[in-house]
Amino acid sequence: MTPGTWTYGGGTARYGVAGQTPVATLACDRATRTLALSRHGAVGVVGAASAIDVTTSYGKRRLPAAADTAGMTARITASDGLADWMAFSRGRTRLEAAGQPPLTLPAWAEISRVIEDCRK
């Protein structure tokens, strides 16, 4: 497991070590009913296309992502089945992106809360 814990607030779940910048974020955009999955860390050129591989106990999906100032972000609709895969994965979700160490994150309730926020 990647060191850290999930925290939740304002439609966003953040994963990381307390007092440090989170290493991953799942956020709801209620206006568009989309989920933004961010992998934080240096990724190279802002705006460059990339991908985040998401692996759960249900399967693996590659999401197109864009580099931003915080790292890289992929977006899915709140109704996408991948959201359920992440929420109900048995124990963990793995995030992989080129040039970054993989993240292995526990499947805690904070993920489900963000998804529920977006589906209301």
Protein backbone atom coordinates (compact mmCIF):
# COMPACT_ATOMS: atom_id res chain seq x y z
CA MET A 1 0.00 0.00 0.00
CA THR A 2 1.06 3.53 -0.68
CA PRO A 3 1.50 5.31 2.68
CA GLY A 4 -1.37 7.59 3.65
CA THR A 5 -5.08 7.77 4.35
CA TRP A 6 -8.18 9.00 2.55
CA THR A 7 -9.88 12.20 3.67
CA TYR A 8 -13.19 13.58 2.39
CA GLY A 9 -14.64 17.05 2.15
CA GLY A 10 -16.69 19.11 -0.27
CA GLY A 11 -17.22 16.37 -2.84
CA THR A 12 -13.53 15.48 -2.98
CA ALA A 13 -11.55 12.54 -1.60
CA ARG A 14 -7.79 13.04 -1.15
CA TYR A 15 -5.22 10.35 -0.46
CA GLY A 16 -1.86 10.99 1.14
CA VAL A 17 0.11 11.49 4.30
CA ALA A 18 -1.31 14.10 6.70
CA GLY A 19 0.42 17.46 6.36
CA GLN A 20 1.75 16.67 2.86
CA THR A 21 0.38 17.23 -0.63
CA PRO A 22 -2.01 14.39 -1.55
CA VAL A 23 -0.73 11.83 -4.06
CA ALA A 24 -4.20 11.17 -5.52
CA THR A 25 -7.56 12.90 -5.64
CA LEU A 26 -11.06 11.89 -6.73
CA ALA A 27 -13.34 14.90 -7.18
CA CYS A 28 -16.92 15.40 -8.34
CA ASP A 29 -17.94 18.15 -10.74
CA ARG A 30 -21.66 18.27 -9.96
CA ALA A 31 -22.47 20.62 -12.84
CA THR A 32 -21.28 18.07 -15.42
CA ARG A 33 -21.71 14.92 -13.29
CA THR A 34 -18.13 13.92 -13.98
CA LEU A 35 -15.42 12.49 -11.76
CA ALA A 36 -11.86 13.78 -11.99
CA LEU A 37 -9.21 11.26 -10.98
CA SER A 38 -5.89 12.98 -10.40
CA ARG A 39 -2.46 11.47 -9.92
CA HIS A 40 -0.29 14.16 -8.38
CA GLY A 41 3.42 14.62 -9.06
CA ALA A 42 5.73 15.92 -11.77
CA VAL A 43 4.63 14.66 -15.18
CA GLY A 44 6.42 16.81 -17.72
CA VAL A 45 4.71 19.21 -20.11
CA VAL A 46 1.45 20.80 -18.90
CA GLY A 47 -1.33 20.05 -21.36
CA ALA A 48 0.43 17.00 -22.81
CA ALA A 49 -1.70 13.91 -23.39
CA SER A 50 -1.01 10.88 -21.25
CA ALA A 51 -2.89 8.07 -19.51
CA ILE A 52 -3.67 6.69 -16.08
CA ASP A 53 -4.08 2.92 -15.81
CA VAL A 54 -6.62 2.01 -13.13
CA THR A 55 -6.57 -1.57 -11.83
CA THR A 56 -9.15 -2.97 -9.41
CA SER A 57 -10.23 -6.47 -8.45
CA TYR A 58 -12.81 -6.18 -11.27
CA GLY A 59 -10.39 -5.35 -14.08
CA LYS A 60 -8.07 -2.77 -15.61
CA ARG A 61 -8.83 0.30 -17.70
CA ARG A 62 -6.62 2.89 -19.35
CA LEU A 63 -7.99 6.42 -19.05
CA PRO A 64 -6.81 9.25 -21.26
CA ALA A 65 -5.38 11.98 -19.05
CA ALA A 66 -4.00 15.48 -19.43
CA ALA A 67 -1.00 16.83 -17.58
CA ASP A 68 -1.73 19.84 -15.39
CA THR A 69 0.18 21.86 -12.83
CA ALA A 70 -0.53 19.31 -10.07
CA GLY A 71 0.16 16.14 -12.07
CA MET A 72 -2.32 14.49 -14.42
CA THR A 73 -6.08 14.16 -14.46
CA ALA A 74 -8.46 11.74 -16.14
CA ARG A 75 -12.22 12.30 -16.31
CA ILE A 76 -15.12 9.85 -16.43
CA THR A 77 -18.86 10.27 -16.13
CA ALA A 78 -20.30 9.56 -12.69
CA SER A 79 -22.32 6.70 -14.21
CA ASP A 80 -19.22 4.98 -15.65
CA GLY A 81 -18.88 1.43 -14.30
CA LEU A 82 -15.22 2.12 -13.46
CA ALA A 83 -16.43 4.26 -10.56
CA ASP A 84 -18.18 1.20 -9.12
CA TRP A 85 -15.09 -0.91 -9.72
CA MET A 86 -13.08 1.55 -7.60
CA ALA A 87 -15.73 1.81 -4.87
CA PHE A 88 -16.26 -1.93 -4.52
CA SER A 89 -12.77 -3.24 -5.28
CA ARG A 90 -11.69 -5.88 -2.81
CA GLY A 91 -9.15 -4.01 -0.77
CA ARG A 92 -7.35 -1.70 -3.18
CA THR A 93 -7.10 0.25 -6.41
CA ARG A 94 -3.84 0.69 -8.29
CA LEU A 95 -3.02 3.81 -10.33
CA GLU A 96 -0.16 3.71 -12.82
CA ALA A 97 1.16 6.46 -15.07
CA ALA A 98 4.28 6.58 -17.23
CA GLY A 99 7.25 8.08 -15.42
CA GLN A 100 5.61 7.83 -11.98
CA PRO A 101 5.81 5.18 -9.27
CA PRO A 102 2.56 3.18 -9.06
CA LEU A 103 0.09 4.03 -6.31
CA THR A 104 -1.77 1.30 -4.44
CA LEU A 105 -4.70 2.88 -2.62
CA PRO A 106 -7.12 1.25 -0.16
CA ALA A 107 -10.79 1.06 -1.16
CA TRP A 108 -12.28 3.12 1.64
CA ALA A 109 -15.73 4.72 1.96
CA GLU A 110 -14.44 8.16 0.86
CA ILE A 111 -14.36 6.94 -2.75
CA SER A 112 -18.02 5.90 -2.56
CA ARG A 113 -19.02 9.22 -1.00
CA VAL A 114 -17.58 11.17 -3.93
CA ILE A 115 -19.31 8.91 -6.44
CA GLU A 116 -22.63 9.23 -4.58
CA ASP A 117 -22.23 13.04 -4.55
CA CYS A 118 -21.93 13.00 -8.33
CA ARG A 119 -24.84 10.67 -8.93
CA LYS A 120 -27.39 12.65 -6.88
